[in-house]
Amino acid sequence: MNSVITCALPLRLVMSDECLLPVPADLRYDTADPYAVHADFHTGAEQPVTWVFAREVLAEGLHRPAGTADVQIWPSHSLGQKVVCISLESQEGRALLHAPARSLEAFLKRAEAAVPPGTEHEYLDIDQELSALLAEG
């Protein structure tokens, strides 16, 4: 049976050293998609902006720089608190976000309890995934 883990995450968009704007986000981890974390960023538009991260990269970013190119994640401090910096880059531009480290860590612990790291392959239905890929082509 699949389970879904969610978390409301109060992010801050870094505009400058002195200016941080709130950007609410919802994280979602679904055991049916065990390698990924889906993030919906609520920017004020009708629909949220959705990014998908590798769970492993997000977890590694809690402790050291992780990711490449369009997604980079690393630990830091802001306003005297531990944060996780998330840098996102697309054709529309670049955004630097600060996530509260404790909240992100708690979310990832719940995801890891549902699907321990290294066991993700046990939660995939390969036949279903292959059928979906062939249907797209």
N, C-alpha and C. Protein backbone atom coordinates (compact mmCIF):
# COMPACT_ATOMS: atom_id res chain seq x y z
N MET A 1 0.84 -1.17 0.00
CA MET A 1 0.00 0.00 0.00
C MET A 1 0.89 1.25 0.00
N ASN A 2 0.54 2.20 -0.84
CA ASN A 2 1.30 3.45 -0.91
C ASN A 2 0.90 4.38 0.22
N SER A 3 1.86 5.16 0.68
CA SER A 3 1.55 6.21 1.65
C SER A 3 2.18 7.51 1.18
N VAL A 4 1.56 8.60 1.57
CA VAL A 4 2.01 9.93 1.18
C VAL A 4 2.33 10.72 2.44
N ILE A 5 3.48 11.33 2.46
CA ILE A 5 3.93 12.16 3.58
C ILE A 5 3.98 13.59 3.08
N THR A 6 3.37 14.50 3.84
CA THR A 6 3.35 15.90 3.43
C THR A 6 3.90 16.79 4.54
N CYS A 7 4.27 18.00 4.13
CA CYS A 7 4.81 18.97 5.08
C CYS A 7 4.61 20.37 4.52
N ALA A 8 4.00 21.24 5.30
CA ALA A 8 3.94 22.66 4.93
C ALA A 8 5.24 23.28 5.39
N LEU A 9 5.92 23.96 4.47
CA LEU A 9 7.26 24.48 4.77
C LEU A 9 7.30 25.98 4.51
N PRO A 10 7.56 26.78 5.55
CA PRO A 10 7.64 28.23 5.36
C PRO A 10 9.02 28.63 4.83
N LEU A 11 9.13 28.78 3.54
CA LEU A 11 10.40 29.18 2.93
C LEU A 11 10.52 30.69 2.89
N ARG A 12 11.75 31.15 2.68
CA ARG A 12 11.99 32.59 2.47
C ARG A 12 12.80 32.74 1.19
N LEU A 13 12.32 33.57 0.30
CA LEU A 13 13.02 33.89 -0.93
C LEU A 13 14.02 34.99 -0.63
N VAL A 14 15.28 34.76 -0.95
CA VAL A 14 16.35 35.72 -0.66
C VAL A 14 16.39 36.73 -1.80
N MET A 15 16.02 37.96 -1.48
CA MET A 15 16.09 39.05 -2.46
C MET A 15 17.42 39.79 -2.33
N SER A 16 17.90 39.91 -1.08
CA SER A 16 19.19 40.52 -0.76
C SER A 16 19.54 40.07 0.66
N ASP A 17 20.69 40.52 1.16
CA ASP A 17 21.07 40.15 2.52
C ASP A 17 20.05 40.62 3.55
N GLU A 18 19.38 41.72 3.26
CA GLU A 18 18.44 42.31 4.22
C GLU A 18 16.99 42.00 3.89
N CYS A 19 16.70 41.46 2.72
CA CYS A 19 15.32 41.29 2.29
C CYS A 19 15.01 39.82 1.99
N LEU A 20 14.16 39.24 2.83
CA LEU A 20 13.71 37.86 2.67
C LEU A 20 12.18 37.88 2.57
N LEU A 21 11.65 37.32 1.50
CA LEU A 21 10.20 37.29 1.30
C LEU A 21 9.65 35.90 1.58
N PRO A 22 8.53 35.81 2.31
CA PRO A 22 7.96 34.49 2.59
C PRO A 22 7.40 33.84 1.32
N VAL A 23 7.68 32.56 1.18
CA VAL A 23 7.13 31.75 0.09
C VAL A 23 6.69 30.42 0.71
N PRO A 24 5.38 30.26 0.96
CA PRO A 24 4.93 28.99 1.50
C PRO A 24 5.12 27.88 0.47
N ALA A 25 5.44 26.70 0.97
CA ALA A 25 5.63 25.54 0.09
C ALA A 25 5.05 24.31 0.77
N ASP A 26 4.64 23.38 -0.05
CA ASP A 26 4.17 22.08 0.43
C ASP A 26 5.07 21.01 -0.15
N LEU A 27 5.65 20.20 0.73
CA LEU A 27 6.46 19.07 0.28
C LEU A 27 5.61 17.81 0.32
N ARG A 28 5.87 16.92 -0.62
CA ARG A 28 5.11 15.68 -0.71
C ARG A 28 6.06 14.55 -1.08
N TYR A 29 5.99 13.47 -0.30
CA TYR A 29 6.75 12.26 -0.60
C TYR A 29 5.76 11.12 -0.70
N ASP A 30 5.77 10.44 -1.83
CA ASP A 30 4.85 9.34 -2.09
C ASP A 30 5.67 8.07 -2.25
N THR A 31 5.34 7.04 -1.48
CA THR A 31 6.10 5.80 -1.56
C THR A 31 5.97 5.15 -2.94
N ALA A 32 4.98 5.56 -3.74
CA ALA A 32 4.86 5.05 -5.11
C ALA A 32 5.92 5.66 -6.03
N ASP A 33 6.51 6.77 -5.60
CA ASP A 33 7.58 7.46 -6.35
C ASP A 33 8.74 7.65 -5.36
N PRO A 34 9.39 6.56 -4.95
CA PRO A 34 10.26 6.59 -3.77
C PRO A 34 11.57 7.36 -3.89
N TYR A 35 11.95 7.73 -5.08
CA TYR A 35 13.20 8.47 -5.24
C TYR A 35 13.00 9.98 -5.20
N ALA A 36 11.75 10.45 -5.23
CA ALA A 36 11.48 11.87 -5.45
C ALA A 36 10.74 12.54 -4.30
N VAL A 37 11.00 13.83 -4.17
CA VAL A 37 10.22 14.72 -3.29
C VAL A 37 9.65 15.80 -4.20
N HIS A 38 8.35 16.01 -4.12
CA HIS A 38 7.68 17.03 -4.91
C HIS A 38 7.48 18.26 -4.03
N ALA A 39 7.80 19.42 -4.56
CA ALA A 39 7.64 20.68 -3.83
C ALA A 39 6.75 21.61 -4.63
N ASP A 40 5.66 22.05 -4.00
CA ASP A 40 4.77 23.04 -4.60
C ASP A 40 5.03 24.38 -3.92
N PHE A 41 5.50 25.35 -4.71
CA PHE A 41 5.79 26.68 -4.19
C PHE A 41 4.61 27.59 -4.49
N HIS A 42 4.06 28.20 -3.46
CA HIS A 42 2.90 29.08 -3.62
C HIS A 42 3.39 30.52 -3.75
N THR A 43 3.43 30.98 -5.00
CA THR A 43 4.03 32.27 -5.32
C THR A 43 3.02 33.39 -5.50
N GLY A 44 1.74 33.08 -5.33
CA GLY A 44 0.70 34.09 -5.57
C GLY A 44 -0.01 33.88 -6.89
N ALA A 45 0.56 33.07 -7.77
CA ALA A 45 -0.10 32.74 -9.03
C ALA A 45 -1.25 31.77 -8.75
N GLU A 46 -2.12 31.58 -9.74
CA GLU A 46 -3.25 30.67 -9.56
C GLU A 46 -2.80 29.26 -9.21
N GLN A 47 -1.79 28.79 -9.93
CA GLN A 47 -1.27 27.45 -9.71
C GLN A 47 0.11 27.53 -9.05
N PRO A 48 0.41 26.61 -8.14
CA PRO A 48 1.75 26.61 -7.55
C PRO A 48 2.81 26.23 -8.59
N VAL A 49 4.02 26.63 -8.31
CA VAL A 49 5.16 26.23 -9.13
C VAL A 49 5.69 24.94 -8.52
N THR A 50 5.77 23.89 -9.31
CA THR A 50 6.17 22.58 -8.78
C THR A 50 7.56 22.20 -9.29
N TRP A 51 8.39 21.76 -8.36
CA TRP A 51 9.71 21.21 -8.68
C TRP A 51 9.77 19.82 -8.07
N VAL A 52 10.56 18.96 -8.69
CA VAL A 52 10.77 17.61 -8.17
C VAL A 52 12.26 17.45 -7.90
N PHE A 53 12.58 17.01 -6.68
CA PHE A 53 13.96 16.83 -6.26
C PHE A 53 14.21 15.35 -5.99
N ALA A 54 15.44 14.93 -6.17
CA ALA A 54 15.83 13.60 -5.71
C ALA A 54 15.87 13.64 -4.19
N ARG A 55 15.21 12.71 -3.54
CA ARG A 55 15.20 12.69 -2.07
C ARG A 55 16.62 12.64 -1.53
N GLU A 56 17.47 11.88 -2.20
CA GLU A 56 18.86 11.73 -1.76
C GLU A 56 19.60 13.08 -1.78
N VAL A 57 19.37 13.88 -2.80
CA VAL A 57 20.03 15.19 -2.90
C VAL A 57 19.52 16.12 -1.80
N LEU A 58 18.23 16.09 -1.55
CA LEU A 58 17.66 16.93 -0.49
C LEU A 58 18.23 16.52 0.87
N ALA A 59 18.33 15.24 1.12
CA ALA A 59 18.87 14.76 2.39
C ALA A 59 20.35 15.10 2.53
N GLU A 60 21.11 14.93 1.47
CA GLU A 60 22.54 15.26 1.52
C GLU A 60 22.75 16.76 1.76
N GLY A 61 21.87 17.58 1.18
CA GLY A 61 21.98 19.02 1.32
C GLY A 61 21.79 19.52 2.75
N LEU A 62 21.26 18.68 3.62
CA LEU A 62 21.16 19.05 5.04
C LEU A 62 22.55 19.17 5.68
N HIS A 63 23.53 18.43 5.13
CA HIS A 63 24.85 18.32 5.77
C HIS A 63 26.01 18.88 4.97
N ARG A 64 25.85 18.94 3.64
CA ARG A 64 26.94 19.41 2.78
C ARG A 64 26.34 19.81 1.43
N PRO A 65 27.06 20.57 0.63
CA PRO A 65 26.54 20.96 -0.68
C PRO A 65 26.20 19.73 -1.53
N ALA A 66 25.05 19.81 -2.19
CA ALA A 66 24.58 18.70 -3.02
C ALA A 66 23.87 19.26 -4.25
N GLY A 67 23.75 18.42 -5.25
CA GLY A 67 23.05 18.81 -6.47
C GLY A 67 24.00 19.46 -7.47
N THR A 68 23.50 19.60 -8.67
CA THR A 68 24.26 20.23 -9.74
C THR A 68 23.32 21.01 -10.63
N ALA A 69 23.87 21.90 -11.39
CA ALA A 69 23.14 22.65 -12.43
C ALA A 69 21.90 23.35 -11.89
N ASP A 70 20.70 22.89 -12.22
CA ASP A 70 19.49 23.65 -11.92
C ASP A 70 19.01 23.52 -10.47
N VAL A 71 19.50 22.55 -9.72
CA VAL A 71 19.12 22.39 -8.31
C VAL A 71 20.39 22.20 -7.49
N GLN A 72 20.62 23.12 -6.56
CA GLN A 72 21.75 23.01 -5.64
C GLN A 72 21.24 23.28 -4.23
N ILE A 73 21.72 22.49 -3.28
CA ILE A 73 21.23 22.55 -1.90
C ILE A 73 22.42 22.47 -0.96
N TRP A 74 22.41 23.32 0.09
CA TRP A 74 23.52 23.29 1.05
C TRP A 74 23.06 23.86 2.40
N PRO A 75 23.73 23.44 3.49
CA PRO A 75 23.38 23.95 4.82
C PRO A 75 23.99 25.33 5.03
N SER A 76 23.31 26.14 5.85
CA SER A 76 23.81 27.49 6.15
C SER A 76 23.13 27.99 7.42
N HIS A 77 23.31 29.28 7.70
CA HIS A 77 22.65 29.95 8.82
C HIS A 77 22.05 31.25 8.31
N SER A 78 20.91 31.61 8.84
CA SER A 78 20.27 32.88 8.51
C SER A 78 19.53 33.38 9.73
N LEU A 79 19.75 34.61 10.07
CA LEU A 79 19.09 35.23 11.23
C LEU A 79 19.27 34.38 12.49
N GLY A 80 20.47 33.80 12.64
CA GLY A 80 20.80 33.03 13.83
C GLY A 80 20.23 31.63 13.87
N GLN A 81 19.63 31.16 12.78
CA GLN A 81 19.05 29.82 12.77
C GLN A 81 19.64 28.99 11.63
N LYS A 82 19.65 27.66 11.84
CA LYS A 82 20.10 26.76 10.79
C LYS A 82 19.06 26.75 9.67
N VAL A 83 19.54 26.91 8.45
CA VAL A 83 18.67 26.83 7.28
C VAL A 83 19.31 25.92 6.25
N VAL A 84 18.50 25.52 5.30
CA VAL A 84 19.00 24.80 4.13
C VAL A 84 18.73 25.71 2.94
N CYS A 85 19.78 26.06 2.23
CA CYS A 85 19.66 26.90 1.04
C CYS A 85 19.30 26.02 -0.15
N ILE A 86 18.32 26.46 -0.90
CA ILE A 86 17.90 25.75 -2.10
C ILE A 86 17.97 26.73 -3.26
N SER A 87 18.85 26.46 -4.19
CA SER A 87 19.01 27.30 -5.37
C SER A 87 18.37 26.58 -6.56
N LEU A 88 17.42 27.26 -7.19
CA LEU A 88 16.72 26.69 -8.34
C LEU A 88 16.96 27.58 -9.55
N GLU A 89 17.27 26.97 -10.67
CA GLU A 89 17.53 27.75 -11.87
C GLU A 89 16.75 27.14 -13.04
N SER A 90 16.07 28.02 -13.78
CA SER A 90 15.33 27.60 -14.97
C SER A 90 15.51 28.67 -16.04
N GLN A 91 14.83 28.49 -17.15
CA GLN A 91 14.91 29.50 -18.21
C GLN A 91 14.33 30.83 -17.75
N GLU A 92 13.41 30.80 -16.79
CA GLU A 92 12.80 32.03 -16.28
C GLU A 92 13.70 32.80 -15.33
N GLY A 93 14.72 32.14 -14.80
CA GLY A 93 15.63 32.82 -13.87
C GLY A 93 16.10 31.91 -12.77
N ARG A 94 16.61 32.55 -11.73
CA ARG A 94 17.19 31.83 -10.59
C ARG A 94 16.53 32.30 -9.32
N ALA A 95 16.33 31.37 -8.38
CA ALA A 95 15.76 31.71 -7.08
C ALA A 95 16.62 31.05 -6.00
N LEU A 96 16.86 31.79 -4.94
CA LEU A 96 17.54 31.25 -3.77
C LEU A 96 16.55 31.29 -2.62
N LEU A 97 16.31 30.12 -2.03
CA LEU A 97 15.33 29.99 -0.95
C LEU A 97 16.02 29.47 0.30
N HIS A 98 15.53 29.91 1.45
CA HIS A 98 15.98 29.38 2.73
C HIS A 98 14.84 28.55 3.32
N ALA A 99 15.17 27.31 3.70
CA ALA A 99 14.21 26.43 4.35
C ALA A 99 14.66 26.18 5.78
N PRO A 100 13.73 26.16 6.73
CA PRO A 100 14.13 25.86 8.11
C PRO A 100 14.66 24.42 8.19
N ALA A 101 15.90 24.28 8.64
CA ALA A 101 16.57 22.98 8.65
C ALA A 101 15.80 21.95 9.48
N ARG A 102 15.29 22.35 10.63
CA ARG A 102 14.58 21.40 11.51
C ARG A 102 13.34 20.82 10.82
N SER A 103 12.57 21.67 10.17
CA SER A 103 11.35 21.20 9.51
C SER A 103 11.68 20.26 8.36
N LEU A 104 12.68 20.61 7.59
CA LEU A 104 13.09 19.78 6.46
C LEU A 104 13.63 18.44 6.95
N GLU A 105 14.42 18.48 8.01
CA GLU A 105 14.96 17.25 8.58
C GLU A 105 13.85 16.35 9.11
N ALA A 106 12.85 16.91 9.78
CA ALA A 106 11.74 16.11 10.30
C ALA A 106 10.95 15.46 9.16
N PHE A 107 10.72 16.21 8.09
CA PHE A 107 10.02 15.67 6.92
C PHE A 107 10.80 14.49 6.33
N LEU A 108 12.10 14.68 6.15
CA LEU A 108 12.92 13.62 5.56
C LEU A 108 13.01 12.40 6.46
N LYS A 109 13.01 12.58 7.77
CA LYS A 109 13.02 11.43 8.69
C LYS A 109 11.74 10.61 8.53
N ARG A 110 10.61 11.30 8.36
CA ARG A 110 9.35 10.58 8.14
C ARG A 110 9.39 9.83 6.82
N ALA A 111 9.96 10.45 5.78
CA ALA A 111 10.07 9.78 4.48
C ALA A 111 11.01 8.58 4.57
N GLU A 112 12.10 8.72 5.30
CA GLU A 112 13.05 7.62 5.44
C GLU A 112 12.48 6.49 6.29
N ALA A 113 11.58 6.81 7.22
CA ALA A 113 10.92 5.75 7.99
C ALA A 113 9.97 4.95 7.11
N ALA A 114 9.34 5.63 6.15
CA ALA A 114 8.42 4.96 5.23
C ALA A 114 9.18 4.12 4.21
N VAL A 115 10.28 4.67 3.68
CA VAL A 115 11.10 3.97 2.69
C VAL A 115 12.56 4.22 3.08
N PRO A 116 13.19 3.27 3.75
CA PRO A 116 14.58 3.47 4.15
C PRO A 116 15.48 3.68 2.93
N PRO A 117 16.45 4.59 3.05
CA PRO A 117 17.39 4.81 1.94
C PRO A 117 18.05 3.49 1.52
N GLY A 118 18.15 3.31 0.21
CA GLY A 118 18.72 2.09 -0.34
C GLY A 118 17.70 1.01 -0.65
N THR A 119 16.44 1.22 -0.21
CA THR A 119 15.39 0.23 -0.48
C THR A 119 14.35 0.75 -1.46
N GLU A 120 14.60 1.89 -2.05
CA GLU A 120 13.60 2.52 -2.93
C GLU A 120 13.14 1.58 -4.05
N HIS A 121 14.07 0.81 -4.60
CA HIS A 121 13.73 -0.09 -5.71
C HIS A 121 12.65 -1.11 -5.33
N GLU A 122 12.54 -1.43 -4.05
CA GLU A 122 11.54 -2.40 -3.59
C GLU A 122 10.12 -1.83 -3.66
N TYR A 123 10.00 -0.52 -3.78
CA TYR A 123 8.69 0.14 -3.78
C TYR A 123 8.21 0.51 -5.18
N LEU A 124 9.03 0.22 -6.19
CA LEU A 124 8.65 0.54 -7.56
C LEU A 124 7.96 -0.65 -8.21
N ASP A 125 6.92 -0.37 -8.96
CA ASP A 125 6.27 -1.38 -9.79
C ASP A 125 6.85 -1.20 -11.18
N ILE A 126 7.89 -1.96 -11.50
CA ILE A 126 8.63 -1.80 -12.75
C ILE A 126 7.71 -1.98 -13.95
N ASP A 127 6.80 -2.96 -13.90
CA ASP A 127 5.90 -3.18 -15.03
C ASP A 127 5.01 -1.96 -15.27
N GLN A 128 4.50 -1.38 -14.21
CA GLN A 128 3.65 -0.19 -14.33
C GLN A 128 4.45 0.99 -14.86
N GLU A 129 5.67 1.18 -14.37
CA GLU A 129 6.52 2.28 -14.83
C GLU A 129 6.87 2.12 -16.31
N LEU A 130 7.20 0.91 -16.71
CA LEU A 130 7.53 0.65 -18.11
C LEU A 130 6.33 0.89 -19.02
N SER A 131 5.16 0.44 -18.58
CA SER A 131 3.93 0.68 -19.36
C SER A 131 3.67 2.17 -19.52
N ALA A 132 3.87 2.93 -18.45
CA ALA A 132 3.65 4.38 -18.51
C ALA A 132 4.63 5.03 -19.47
N LEU A 133 5.89 4.61 -19.44
CA LEU A 133 6.89 5.17 -20.37
C LEU A 133 6.55 4.84 -21.83
N LEU A 134 6.14 3.62 -22.08
CA LEU A 134 5.80 3.22 -23.45
C LEU A 134 4.55 3.93 -23.94
N ALA A 135 3.61 4.20 -23.04
CA ALA A 135 2.39 4.91 -23.42
C ALA A 135 2.69 6.37 -23.80
N GLU A 136 3.71 6.97 -23.17
CA GLU A 136 4.09 8.35 -23.48
C GLU A 136 4.72 8.47 -24.87
N GLY A 137 5.39 7.41 -25.32
CA GLY A 137 6.11 7.43 -26.58
C GLY A 137 5.22 7.28 -27.74
